[in-house]
PDB file of N, CA and C in Angstrom:
ATOM      1  N   MET A   1     -27.113 -10.761  -6.478  1.00  0.00           N
ATOM      2  CA  MET A   1     -26.614 -10.703  -7.956  1.00  0.00           C
ATOM      3  C   MET A   1     -26.066  -9.356  -6.661  1.00  0.00           C
ATOM      4  N   ALA A   2     -26.217  -9.014  -5.410  1.00  0.00           N
ATOM      5  CA  ALA A   2     -25.449  -7.831  -4.408  1.00  0.00           C
ATOM      6  C   ALA A   2     -24.557  -8.662  -4.349  1.00  0.00           C
ATOM      7  N   THR A   3     -24.352  -9.990  -4.114  1.00  0.00           N
ATOM      8  CA  THR A   3     -23.069 -10.470  -3.800  1.00  0.00           C
ATOM      9  C   THR A   3     -21.891 -10.300  -4.694  1.00  0.00           C
ATOM     10  N   SER A   4     -22.482  -9.811  -6.630  1.00  0.00           N
ATOM     11  CA  SER A   4     -21.478 -10.162  -7.457  1.00  0.00           C
ATOM     12  C   SER A   4     -21.235  -8.513  -7.297  1.00  0.00           C
ATOM     13  N   ASN A   5     -21.471  -7.830  -6.994  1.00  0.00           N
ATOM     14  CA  ASN A   5     -21.531  -5.918  -6.466  1.00  0.00           C
ATOM     15  C   ASN A   5     -20.800  -6.155  -5.640  1.00  0.00           C
ATOM     16  N   VAL A   6     -21.062  -6.474  -4.577  1.00  0.00           N
ATOM     17  CA  VAL A   6     -19.507  -6.605  -3.598  1.00  0.00           C
ATOM     18  C   VAL A   6     -18.349  -7.240  -3.658  1.00  0.00           C
ATOM     19  N   VAL A   7     -18.710  -8.225  -4.217  1.00  0.00           N
ATOM     20  CA  VAL A   7     -17.361  -8.552  -4.665  1.00  0.00           C
ATOM     21  C   VAL A   7     -16.095  -7.701  -5.435  1.00  0.00           C
ATOM     22  N   PHE A   8     -17.494  -7.337  -6.752  1.00  0.00           N
ATOM     23  CA  PHE A   8     -16.569  -6.298  -7.515  1.00  0.00           C
ATOM     24  C   PHE A   8     -16.650  -5.012  -6.926  1.00  0.00           C
ATOM     25  N   ALA A   9     -16.839  -4.265  -6.123  1.00  0.00           N
ATOM     26  CA  ALA A   9     -16.370  -3.682  -6.111  1.00  0.00           C
ATOM     27  C   ALA A   9     -14.663  -3.022  -4.866  1.00  0.00           C
ATOM     28  N   ILE A  10     -14.838  -4.558  -4.232  1.00  0.00           N
ATOM     29  CA  ILE A  10     -13.492  -5.000  -3.458  1.00  0.00           C
ATOM     30  C   ILE A  10     -12.265  -5.285  -4.486  1.00  0.00           C
ATOM     31  N   SER A  11     -13.316  -6.096  -5.649  1.00  0.00           N
ATOM     32  CA  SER A  11     -12.483  -5.653  -5.993  1.00  0.00           C
ATOM     33  C   SER A  11     -11.472  -4.715  -7.268  1.00  0.00           C
ATOM     34  N   MET A  12     -12.594  -3.505  -7.194  1.00  0.00           N
ATOM     35  CA  MET A  12     -11.740  -2.813  -7.578  1.00  0.00           C
ATOM     36  C   MET A  12     -11.208  -1.947  -6.752  1.00  0.00           C
ATOM     37  N   VAL A  13     -10.880  -1.815  -5.514  1.00  0.00           N
ATOM     38  CA  VAL A  13     -10.906  -0.997  -4.642  1.00  0.00           C
ATOM     39  C   VAL A  13      -9.074  -1.849  -4.368  1.00  0.00           C
ATOM     40  N   LEU A  14      -9.264  -3.668  -4.328  1.00  0.00           N
ATOM     41  CA  LEU A  14      -8.054  -4.024  -4.033  1.00  0.00           C
ATOM     42  C   LEU A  14      -7.330  -3.347  -5.527  1.00  0.00           C
ATOM     43  N   ALA A  15      -7.579  -3.392  -6.386  1.00  0.00           N
ATOM     44  CA  ALA A  15      -7.147  -3.005  -7.781  1.00  0.00           C
ATOM     45  C   ALA A  15      -6.295  -1.411  -7.622  1.00  0.00           C
ATOM     46  N   LEU A  16      -7.449  -0.922  -6.883  1.00  0.00           N
ATOM     47  CA  LEU A  16      -6.072   1.099  -6.407  1.00  0.00           C
ATOM     48  C   LEU A  16      -5.703   0.537  -5.734  1.00  0.00           C
ATOM     49  N   LEU A  17      -5.414  -0.385  -4.331  1.00  0.00           N
ATOM     50  CA  LEU A  17      -4.505  -0.778  -4.094  1.00  0.00           C
ATOM     51  C   LEU A  17      -3.086  -0.748  -4.644  1.00  0.00           C
ATOM     52  N   THR A  18      -2.895  -1.350  -5.333  1.00  0.00           N
ATOM     53  CA  THR A  18      -1.801  -1.478  -5.895  1.00  0.00           C
ATOM     54  C   THR A  18      -0.793  -0.775  -6.546  1.00  0.00           C
ATOM     55  N   ARG A  19      -1.637   0.611  -6.401  1.00  0.00           N
ATOM     56  CA  ARG A  19      -0.560   2.613  -6.803  1.00  0.00           C
ATOM     57  C   ARG A  19      -0.235   2.152  -5.361  1.00  0.00           C
ATOM     58  N   SER A  20       0.110   1.628  -4.123  1.00  0.00           N
ATOM     59  CA  SER A  20       0.965   1.284  -3.185  1.00  0.00           C
ATOM     60  C   SER A  20       1.304   3.036  -2.209  1.00  0.00           C
ATOM     61  N   THR A  21      -0.119   3.968  -2.077  1.00  0.00           N
ATOM     62  CA  THR A  21      -0.604   4.879  -1.243  1.00  0.00           C
ATOM     63  C   THR A  21      -0.509   4.145  -0.316  1.00  0.00           C
ATOM     64  N   VAL A  22       0.343   4.959   0.911  1.00  0.00           N
ATOM     65  CA  VAL A  22       0.655   4.815   1.986  1.00  0.00           C
ATOM     66  C   VAL A  22      -0.057   4.895   3.076  1.00  0.00           C
ATOM     67  N   VAL A  23      -0.709   4.844   4.231  1.00  0.00           N
ATOM     68  CA  VAL A  23      -0.708   5.377   5.203  1.00  0.00           C
ATOM     69  C   VAL A  23      -0.455   5.837   6.291  1.00  0.00           C
ATOM     70  N   PHE A  24       0.130   6.308   6.622  1.00  0.00           N
ATOM     71  CA  PHE A  24       1.028   6.033   7.881  1.00  0.00           C
ATOM     72  C   PHE A  24       1.650   5.218   8.886  1.00  0.00           C
ATOM     73  N   ALA A  25       0.455   5.064   9.991  1.00  0.00           N
ATOM     74  CA  ALA A  25      -0.187   4.703  10.839  1.00  0.00           C
ATOM     75  C   ALA A  25      -0.349   3.297  10.441  1.00  0.00           C
ATOM     76  N   VAL A  26      -1.568   2.727   8.967  1.00  0.00           N
ATOM     77  CA  VAL A  26      -2.016   1.739   7.932  1.00  0.00           C
ATOM     78  C   VAL A  26      -1.081   1.911   6.783  1.00  0.00           C
ATOM     79  N   THR A  27      -1.332   0.897   5.933  1.00  0.00           N
ATOM     80  CA  THR A  27      -1.371   0.827   4.752  1.00  0.00           C
ATOM     81  C   THR A  27      -2.941   1.776   3.783  1.00  0.00           C
ATOM     82  N   CYS A  28      -2.867   2.148   2.962  1.00  0.00           N
ATOM     83  CA  CYS A  28      -4.684   2.195   2.657  1.00  0.00           C
ATOM     84  C   CYS A  28      -4.550   0.842   2.463  1.00  0.00           C
ATOM     85  N   GLN A  29      -4.311   0.106   1.945  1.00  0.00           N
ATOM     86  CA  GLN A  29      -4.394  -1.723   1.909  1.00  0.00           C
ATOM     87  C   GLN A  29      -5.771  -1.965   2.962  1.00  0.00           C
ATOM     88  N   ASP A  30      -4.551  -1.792   4.082  1.00  0.00           N
ATOM     89  CA  ASP A  30      -4.980  -1.817   5.340  1.00  0.00           C
ATOM     90  C   ASP A  30      -6.962  -0.817   5.694  1.00  0.00           C
ATOM     91  N   GLY A  31      -6.888  -0.052   6.109  1.00  0.00           N
ATOM     92  CA  GLY A  31      -7.442   1.383   5.798  1.00  0.00           C
ATOM     93  C   GLY A  31      -8.416   0.797   5.057  1.00  0.00           C
ATOM     94  N   VAL A  32      -8.742   0.225   3.852  1.00  0.00           N
ATOM     95  CA  VAL A  32      -9.445  -0.510   3.008  1.00  0.00           C
ATOM     96  C   VAL A  32     -10.243  -1.812   3.268  1.00  0.00           C
ATOM     97  N   GLN A  33      -9.366  -2.147   3.441  1.00  0.00           N
ATOM     98  CA  GLN A  33      -9.968  -3.697   4.206  1.00  0.00           C
ATOM     99  C   GLN A  33     -10.204  -4.203   5.444  1.00  0.00           C
ATOM    100  N   SER A  34     -10.155  -2.732   5.858  1.00  0.00           N
ATOM    101  CA  SER A  34     -10.921  -2.551   7.305  1.00  0.00           C
ATOM    102  C   SER A  34     -12.736  -2.667   6.859  1.00  0.00           C
ATOM    103  N   ILE A  35     -12.413  -2.062   6.468  1.00  0.00           N
ATOM    104  CA  ILE A  35     -13.833  -1.818   5.857  1.00  0.00           C
ATOM    105  C   ILE A  35     -14.613  -2.664   5.807  1.00  0.00           C
ATOM    106  N   ILE A  36     -14.014  -4.040   4.827  1.00  0.00           N
ATOM    107  CA  ILE A  36     -15.110  -4.515   3.662  1.00  0.00           C
ATOM    108  C   ILE A  36     -16.344  -4.897   4.155  1.00  0.00           C
ATOM    109  N   PRO A  37     -15.867  -4.824   5.667  1.00  0.00           N
ATOM    110  CA  PRO A  37     -17.559  -4.935   6.557  1.00  0.00           C
ATOM    111  C   PRO A  37     -18.400  -4.343   6.540  1.00  0.00           C
ATOM    112  N   CYS A  38     -18.374  -2.990   5.473  1.00  0.00           N
ATOM    113  CA  CYS A  38     -18.785  -2.133   5.748  1.00  0.00           C
ATOM    114  C   CYS A  38     -19.533  -2.164   4.477  1.00  0.00           C
ATOM    115  N   MET A  39     -19.216  -2.671   3.652  1.00  0.00           N
ATOM    116  CA  MET A  39     -19.126  -2.782   1.902  1.00  0.00           C
ATOM    117  C   MET A  39     -20.977  -3.280   1.530  1.00  0.00           C
ATOM    118  N   PRO A  40     -21.182  -3.831   2.174  1.00  0.00           N
ATOM    119  CA  PRO A  40     -23.013  -4.639   1.788  1.00  0.00           C
ATOM    120  C   PRO A  40     -23.702  -3.314   1.781  1.00  0.00           C
ATOM    121  N   PHE A  41     -23.669  -2.072   2.952  1.00  0.00           N
ATOM    122  CA  PHE A  41     -24.145  -0.694   3.590  1.00  0.00           C
ATOM    123  C   PHE A  41     -23.725   0.090   2.036  1.00  0.00           C
ATOM    124  N   LEU A  42     -22.348  -0.089   2.022  1.00  0.00           N
ATOM    125  CA  LEU A  42     -22.012   1.420   1.685  1.00  0.00           C
ATOM    126  C   LEU A  42     -22.339   1.237  -0.025  1.00  0.00           C
ATOM    127  N   LEU A  43     -22.653   0.645  -0.305  1.00  0.00           N
ATOM    128  CA  LEU A  43     -23.455  -0.138  -2.113  1.00  0.00           C
ATOM    129  C   LEU A  43     -24.330   0.416  -2.098  1.00  0.00           C
ATOM    130  N   GLY A  44     -24.972  -0.146  -0.874  1.00  0.00           N
ATOM    131  CA  GLY A  44     -26.730   0.322  -1.159  1.00  0.00           C
ATOM    132  C   GLY A  44     -28.120  -0.833  -0.973  1.00  0.00           C
ATOM    133  N   GLY A  45     -27.261  -1.952  -0.198  1.00  0.00           N
ATOM    134  CA  GLY A  45     -28.157  -3.230  -0.580  1.00  0.00           C
ATOM    135  C   GLY A  45     -28.377  -2.874   1.360  1.00  0.00           C
ATOM    136  N   GLY A  46     -29.056  -4.267   1.560  1.00  0.00           N
ATOM    137  CA  GLY A  46     -29.339  -4.540   2.381  1.00  0.00           C
ATOM    138  C   GLY A  46     -30.380  -3.827   4.135  1.00  0.00           C
ATOM    139  N   SER A  47     -29.852  -3.526   4.482  1.00  0.00           N
ATOM    140  CA  SER A  47     -30.396  -2.659   5.981  1.00  0.00           C
ATOM    141  C   SER A  47     -29.537  -1.417   5.737  1.00  0.00           C
ATOM    142  N   ASN A  48     -30.506  -0.596   5.813  1.00  0.00           N
ATOM    143  CA  ASN A  48     -30.177   1.484   6.423  1.00  0.00           C
ATOM    144  C   ASN A  48     -29.174   1.286   7.346  1.00  0.00           C
ATOM    145  N   GLN A  49     -29.116   0.761   7.787  1.00  0.00           N
ATOM    146  CA  GLN A  49     -27.619   0.599   8.688  1.00  0.00           C
ATOM    147  C   GLN A  49     -26.888  -0.033   8.897  1.00  0.00           C
ATOM    148  N   ALA A  50     -25.737   0.824   9.455  1.00  0.00           N
ATOM    149  CA  ALA A  50     -23.932   0.302   9.235  1.00  0.00           C
ATOM    150  C   ALA A  50     -24.172  -0.757  10.695  1.00  0.00           C
ATOM    151  N   SER A  51     -23.858  -2.198  10.601  1.00  0.00           N
ATOM    152  CA  SER A  51     -23.434  -3.346  11.329  1.00  0.00           C
ATOM    153  C   SER A  51     -22.814  -2.982  12.222  1.00  0.00           C
ATOM    154  N   SER A  52     -23.093  -3.744  13.053  1.00  0.00           N
ATOM    155  CA  SER A  52     -22.559  -3.478  14.501  1.00  0.00           C
ATOM    156  C   SER A  52     -20.782  -4.013  13.713  1.00  0.00           C
ATOM    157  N   GLN A  53     -20.425  -5.025  13.152  1.00  0.00           N
ATOM    158  CA  GLN A  53     -19.395  -5.414  12.914  1.00  0.00           C
ATOM    159  C   GLN A  53     -18.665  -4.236  11.435  1.00  0.00           C
ATOM    160  N   CYS A  54     -19.183  -3.665  11.085  1.00  0.00           N
ATOM    161  CA  CYS A  54     -18.816  -3.042  10.069  1.00  0.00           C
ATOM    162  C   CYS A  54     -18.431  -1.270  11.247  1.00  0.00           C
ATOM    163  N   CYS A  55     -19.250  -0.735  12.149  1.00  0.00           N
ATOM    164  CA  CYS A  55     -18.705   0.185  12.715  1.00  0.00           C
ATOM    165  C   CYS A  55     -17.207  -0.059  13.726  1.00  0.00           C
ATOM    166  N   ALA A  56     -17.668  -1.315  13.678  1.00  0.00           N
ATOM    167  CA  ALA A  56     -16.511  -1.980  15.085  1.00  0.00           C
ATOM    168  C   ALA A  56     -15.155  -1.561  14.043  1.00  0.00           C
ATOM    169  N   SER A  57     -15.079  -2.491  13.279  1.00  0.00           N
ATOM    170  CA  SER A  57     -13.897  -2.221  12.164  1.00  0.00           C
ATOM    171  C   SER A  57     -13.113  -0.481  12.122  1.00  0.00           C
ATOM    172  N   ALA A  58     -14.224   0.369  11.677  1.00  0.00           N
ATOM    173  CA  ALA A  58     -14.549   1.202  11.400  1.00  0.00           C
ATOM    174  C   ALA A  58     -14.123   2.442  12.250  1.00  0.00           C
ATOM    175  N   GLN A  59     -14.373   2.037  13.813  1.00  0.00           N
ATOM    176  CA  GLN A  59     -13.946   2.557  15.160  1.00  0.00           C
ATOM    177  C   GLN A  59     -12.286   2.234  14.759  1.00  0.00           C
ATOM    178  N   ASN A  60     -12.160   0.581  14.693  1.00  0.00           N
ATOM    179  CA  ASN A  60     -10.519   0.272  15.343  1.00  0.00           C
ATOM    180  C   ASN A  60      -9.765   1.704  13.869  1.00  0.00           C
ATOM    181  N   LEU A  61     -10.511   1.449  13.114  1.00  0.00           N
ATOM    182  CA  LEU A  61      -9.793   1.797  11.931  1.00  0.00           C
ATOM    183  C   LEU A  61      -9.450   3.946  12.661  1.00  0.00           C
ATOM    184  N   ASN A  62     -10.601   4.328  12.819  1.00  0.00           N
ATOM    185  CA  ASN A  62     -10.408   5.771  13.230  1.00  0.00           C
ATOM    186  C   ASN A  62      -9.375   5.689  14.502  1.00  0.00           C
ATOM    187  N   SER A  63      -8.944   4.179  16.353  1.00  0.00           N
ATOM    188  CA  SER A  63      -7.981   4.813  16.190  1.00  0.00           C
ATOM    189  C   SER A  63      -6.454   4.690  16.111  1.00  0.00           C
ATOM    190  N   GLU A  64      -6.637   3.917  14.801  1.00  0.00           N
ATOM    191  CA  GLU A  64      -5.454   3.692  14.373  1.00  0.00           C
ATOM    192  C   GLU A  64      -4.671   4.545  13.644  1.00  0.00           C
ATOM    193  N   VAL A  65      -5.663   5.752  13.202  1.00  0.00           N
ATOM    194  CA  VAL A  65      -5.178   6.685  12.540  1.00  0.00           C
ATOM    195  C   VAL A  65      -5.465   8.023  12.804  1.00  0.00           C
ATOM    196  N   SER A  66      -4.205   8.334  13.719  1.00  0.00           N
ATOM    197  CA  SER A  66      -4.753  10.154  14.196  1.00  0.00           C
ATOM    198  C   SER A  66      -4.005  11.356  14.045  1.00  0.00           C
ATOM    199  N   SER A  67      -2.503  11.452  13.575  1.00  0.00           N
ATOM    200  CA  SER A  67      -2.090  12.409  12.952  1.00  0.00           C
ATOM    201  C   SER A  67      -3.199  13.022  11.923  1.00  0.00           C
ATOM    202  N   THR A  68      -2.452  13.941  11.807  1.00  0.00           N
ATOM    203  CA  THR A  68      -3.027  14.929  10.546  1.00  0.00           C
ATOM    204  C   THR A  68      -2.702  14.320   9.208  1.00  0.00           C
ATOM    205  N   ALA A  69      -1.143  14.301   8.855  1.00  0.00           N
ATOM    206  CA  ALA A  69      -0.787  13.450   7.954  1.00  0.00           C
ATOM    207  C   ALA A  69      -1.447  11.938   7.437  1.00  0.00           C
ATOM    208  N   ASP A  70      -1.964  10.823   8.719  1.00  0.00           N
ATOM    209  CA  ASP A  70      -2.340  10.475   8.604  1.00  0.00           C
ATOM    210  C   ASP A  70      -3.856  10.006   8.551  1.00  0.00           C
ATOM    211  N   ARG A  71      -4.310  10.834   8.552  1.00  0.00           N
ATOM    212  CA  ARG A  71      -5.979  10.985   8.157  1.00  0.00           C
ATOM    213  C   ARG A  71      -6.331  11.935   7.112  1.00  0.00           C
ATOM    214  N   ARG A  72      -4.748  12.759   6.440  1.00  0.00           N
ATOM    215  CA  ARG A  72      -4.612  13.185   5.309  1.00  0.00           C
ATOM    216  C   ARG A  72      -4.848  12.177   3.579  1.00  0.00           C
ATOM    217  N   ALA A  73      -3.678  11.656   4.343  1.00  0.00           N
ATOM    218  CA  ALA A  73      -3.903   9.919   3.193  1.00  0.00           C
ATOM    219  C   ALA A  73      -4.824   9.125   3.054  1.00  0.00           C
ATOM    220  N   LEU A  74      -5.149   8.645   4.414  1.00  0.00           N
ATOM    221  CA  LEU A  74      -6.525   8.183   4.309  1.00  0.00           C
ATOM    222  C   LEU A  74      -8.168   8.767   3.904  1.00  0.00           C
ATOM    223  N   CYS A  75      -8.034  10.518   3.713  1.00  0.00           N
ATOM    224  CA  CYS A  75      -9.188  10.545   3.354  1.00  0.00           C
ATOM    225  C   CYS A  75      -8.659  10.416   1.768  1.00  0.00           C
ATOM    226  N   GLN A  76      -7.487  10.860   0.623  1.00  0.00           N
ATOM    227  CA  GLN A  76      -7.537  10.614  -0.329  1.00  0.00           C
ATOM    228  C   GLN A  76      -7.298   9.027  -0.783  1.00  0.00           C
ATOM    229  N   CYS A  77      -7.033   8.350   0.038  1.00  0.00           N
ATOM    230  CA  CYS A  77      -7.840   6.476  -0.424  1.00  0.00           C
ATOM    231  C   CYS A  77      -8.967   5.948  -0.748  1.00  0.00           C
ATOM    232  N   PHE A  78      -9.636   7.572   0.676  1.00  0.00           N
ATOM    233  CA  PHE A  78     -11.161   6.646   0.754  1.00  0.00           C
ATOM    234  C   PHE A  78     -11.419   7.179  -0.134  1.00  0.00           C
ATOM    235  N   LYS A  79     -10.807   8.559  -0.977  1.00  0.00           N
ATOM    236  CA  LYS A  79     -11.976   9.056  -2.251  1.00  0.00           C
ATOM    237  C   LYS A  79     -11.717   7.997  -2.395  1.00  0.00           C
ATOM    238  N   ASP A  80     -10.661   8.000  -3.811  1.00  0.00           N
ATOM    239  CA  ASP A  80     -10.333   7.403  -4.726  1.00  0.00           C
ATOM    240  C   ASP A  80     -10.708   5.728  -4.858  1.00  0.00           C
ATOM    241  N   ALA A  81     -11.161   5.465  -3.594  1.00  0.00           N
ATOM    242  CA  ALA A  81     -12.010   4.351  -3.543  1.00  0.00           C
ATOM    243  C   ALA A  81     -13.321   4.859  -4.098  1.00  0.00           C
ATOM    244  N   VAL A  82     -13.966   5.703  -3.475  1.00  0.00           N
ATOM    245  CA  VAL A  82     -15.448   6.119  -3.709  1.00  0.00           C
ATOM    246  C   VAL A  82     -15.651   6.096  -5.583  1.00  0.00           C
ATOM    247  N   LYS A  83     -14.492   7.034  -5.711  1.00  0.00           N
ATOM    248  CA  LYS A  83     -14.504   7.555  -6.951  1.00  0.00           C
ATOM    249  C   LYS A  83     -14.931   5.810  -7.658  1.00  0.00           C
ATOM    250  N   ALA A  84     -13.711   4.398  -7.438  1.00  0.00           N
ATOM    251  CA  ALA A  84     -14.120   3.620  -8.450  1.00  0.00           C
ATOM    252  C   ALA A  84     -14.408   2.399  -8.633  1.00  0.00           C
ATOM    253  N   THR A  85     -15.486   3.009  -7.477  1.00  0.00           N
ATOM    254  CA  THR A  85     -16.904   1.659  -7.461  1.00  0.00           C
ATOM    255  C   THR A  85     -17.647   2.562  -6.890  1.00  0.00           C
ATOM    256  N   ASN A  86     -18.937   2.029  -6.928  1.00  0.00           N
ATOM    257  CA  ASN A  86     -20.280   1.943  -7.087  1.00  0.00           C
ATOM    258  C   ASN A  86     -21.088   2.190  -6.002  1.00  0.00           C
ATOM    259  N   ILE A  87     -20.335   3.180  -4.803  1.00  0.00           N
ATOM    260  CA  ILE A  87     -20.119   2.724  -3.277  1.00  0.00           C
ATOM    261  C   ILE A  87     -21.402   4.841  -3.630  1.00  0.00           C
ATOM    262  N   ASP A  88     -21.921   3.915  -2.275  1.00  0.00           N
ATOM    263  CA  ASP A  88     -23.737   5.173  -2.388  1.00  0.00           C
ATOM    264  C   ASP A  88     -23.062   6.174  -1.579  1.00  0.00           C
ATOM    265  N   ASN A  89     -22.772   7.633  -1.482  1.00  0.00           N
ATOM    266  CA  ASN A  89     -21.992   9.086  -1.749  1.00  0.00           C
ATOM    267  C   ASN A  89     -22.804   8.897  -0.644  1.00  0.00           C
ATOM    268  N   ALA A  90     -24.411   9.204  -0.163  1.00  0.00           N
ATOM    269  CA  ALA A  90     -24.801   9.285   1.289  1.00  0.00           C
ATOM    270  C   ALA A  90     -24.516   8.293   2.055  1.00  0.00           C
ATOM    271  N   ARG A  91     -24.355   7.218   1.405  1.00  0.00           N
ATOM    272  CA  ARG A  91     -24.168   6.368   2.053  1.00  0.00           C
ATOM    273  C   ARG A  91     -22.827   6.394   3.409  1.00  0.00           C
ATOM    274  N   ALA A  92     -21.708   6.438   2.227  1.00  0.00           N
ATOM    275  CA  ALA A  92     -20.063   7.353   2.454  1.00  0.00           C
ATOM    276  C   ALA A  92     -20.379   8.361   3.422  1.00  0.00           C
ATOM    277  N   GLU A  93     -21.474   9.607   3.579  1.00  0.00           N
ATOM    278  CA  GLU A  93     -21.005  10.722   3.922  1.00  0.00           C
ATOM    279  C   GLU A  93     -21.928   9.896   5.417  1.00  0.00           C
ATOM    280  N   GLU A  94     -22.752   9.763   5.589  1.00  0.00           N
ATOM    281  CA  GLU A  94     -23.512   8.402   6.516  1.00  0.00           C
ATOM    282  C   GLU A  94     -22.785   7.839   7.717  1.00  0.00           C
ATOM    283  N   LEU A  95     -22.028   6.899   7.174  1.00  0.00           N
ATOM    284  CA  LEU A  95     -21.118   6.610   7.358  1.00  0.00           C
ATOM    285  C   LEU A  95     -20.470   6.149   9.194  1.00  0.00           C
ATOM    286  N   PRO A  96     -19.474   7.593   9.174  1.00  0.00           N
ATOM    287  CA  PRO A  96     -18.560   8.158  10.203  1.00  0.00           C
ATOM    288  C   PRO A  96     -20.156   9.109  11.521  1.00  0.00           C
ATOM    289  N   LYS A  97     -20.798   8.862  10.669  1.00  0.00           N
ATOM    290  CA  LYS A  97     -22.253   9.272  11.785  1.00  0.00           C
ATOM    291  C   LYS A  97     -22.536   8.569  12.844  1.00  0.00           C
ATOM    292  N   MET A  98     -23.379   7.395  11.750  1.00  0.00           N
ATOM    293  CA  MET A  98     -23.803   5.825  12.106  1.00  0.00           C
ATOM    294  C   MET A  98     -22.443   5.215  13.798  1.00  0.00           C
ATOM    295  N   CYS A  99     -21.192   5.812  12.838  1.00  0.00           N
ATOM    296  CA  CYS A  99     -20.429   4.742  14.122  1.00  0.00           C
ATOM    297  C   CYS A  99     -20.611   5.069  14.696  1.00  0.00           C
ATOM    298  N   HIS A 100     -20.440   6.821  14.668  1.00  0.00           N
ATOM    299  CA  HIS A 100     -19.804   7.663  15.239  1.00  0.00           C
ATOM    300  C   HIS A 100     -18.605   7.875  15.952  1.00  0.00           C
ATOM    301  N   ILE A 101     -18.044   7.942  14.946  1.00  0.00           N
ATOM    302  CA  ILE A 101     -16.035   8.648  14.852  1.00  0.00           C
ATOM    303  C   ILE A 101     -16.287   9.347  13.870  1.00  0.00           C
ATOM    304  N   ASN A 102     -14.886  10.496  14.267  1.00  0.00           N
ATOM    305  CA  ASN A 102     -14.961  11.747  13.512  1.00  0.00           C
ATOM    306  C   ASN A 102     -13.997  11.275  12.534  1.00  0.00           C
ATOM    307  N   LEU A 103     -13.273  11.263  11.936  1.00  0.00           N
ATOM    308  CA  LEU A 103     -12.940  10.448  10.595  1.00  0.00           C
ATOM    309  C   LEU A 103     -12.447  12.520  10.071  1.00  0.00           C
ATOM    310  N   GLY A 104     -13.298  13.886  10.615  1.00  0.00           N
ATOM    311  CA  GLY A 104     -12.092  14.610  10.577  1.00  0.00           C
ATOM    312  C   GLY A 104     -12.382  15.343   8.827  1.00  0.00           C
ATOM    313  N   PHE A 105     -12.847  13.884   8.136  1.00  0.00           N
ATOM    314  CA  PHE A 105     -13.908  14.761   6.386  1.00  0.00           C
ATOM    315  C   PHE A 105     -14.426  14.067   5.675  1.00  0.00           C
ATOM    316  N   ASP A 106     -15.107  14.079   5.540  1.00  0.00           N
ATOM    317  CA  ASP A 106     -16.558  13.796   4.717  1.00  0.00           C
ATOM    318  C   ASP A 106     -15.781  12.727   3.848  1.00  0.00           C
ATOM    319  N   ILE A 107     -16.750  11.526   3.319  1.00  0.00           N
ATOM    320  CA  ILE A 107     -15.968  10.500   2.868  1.00  0.00           C
ATOM    321  C   ILE A 107     -16.910  11.471   1.203  1.00  0.00           C
ATOM    322  N   THR A 108     -16.731  11.200   0.577  1.00  0.00           N
ATOM    323  CA  THR A 108     -16.877  11.283  -0.917  1.00  0.00           C
ATOM    324  C   THR A 108     -15.879  12.162  -1.525  1.00  0.00           C
ATOM    325  N   PRO A 109     -16.487  11.722  -3.613  1.00  0.00           N
ATOM    326  CA  PRO A 109     -15.521  11.951  -4.541  1.00  0.00           C
ATOM    327  C   PRO A 109     -14.801  12.930  -4.259  1.00  0.00           C
ATOM    328  N   ASP A 110     -15.097  14.093  -4.231  1.00  0.00           N
ATOM    329  CA  ASP A 110     -15.362  15.753  -4.255  1.00  0.00           C
ATOM    330  C   ASP A 110     -14.207  15.933  -3.038  1.00  0.00           C
ATOM    331  N   ILE A 111     -14.116  15.474  -1.973  1.00  0.00           N
ATOM    332  CA  ILE A 111     -13.036  16.200  -0.489  1.00  0.00           C
ATOM    333  C   ILE A 111     -11.923  16.556  -1.583  1.00  0.00           C
ATOM    334  N   ASP A 112     -11.803  17.937  -1.105  1.00  0.00           N
ATOM    335  CA  ASP A 112     -10.910  18.069  -0.793  1.00  0.00           C
ATOM    336  C   ASP A 112      -9.495  17.947   0.408  1.00  0.00           C
ATOM    337  N   CYS A 113      -8.207  16.044   0.464  1.00  0.00           N
ATOM    338  CA  CYS A 113      -7.708  16.374   1.568  1.00  0.00           C
ATOM    339  C   CYS A 113      -6.786  16.887   2.253  1.00  0.00           C
ATOM    340  N   THR A 114      -6.840  17.707   1.295  1.00  0.00           N
ATOM    341  CA  THR A 114      -5.239  18.547   1.739  1.00  0.00           C
ATOM    342  C   THR A 114      -6.100  19.141   2.870  1.00  0.00           C
ATOM    343  N   LYS A 115      -6.486  19.613   3.271  1.00  0.00           N
ATOM    344  CA  LYS A 115      -7.513  21.021   3.913  1.00  0.00           C
ATOM    345  C   LYS A 115      -7.983  19.667   5.516  1.00  0.00           C
TER     346      LYS A 115
END
């Protein structure tokens, strides 16, 4: 059952990406694909800790997206992904802290990505 939830969530996120949202350093699709290892954690299944693979992917993405414009675009991408899936909002907010990264924004469905 948990596997089907992960597959469904990934499918929903990838469907979202067909909108051609572009992040300047990476595409929205690249951004979301980079956090696929985090999906079991973000969907509330399994461990209460993000995996080392999840954090490594998140840290790599964080290093690739450095400008304000890039971060705003990534923020909007993640905001849309959170709205389109069953991602646990509390876990989405915890992930950057757990993985020791500073995105410059919280991953929530109501974040204002223009600030």
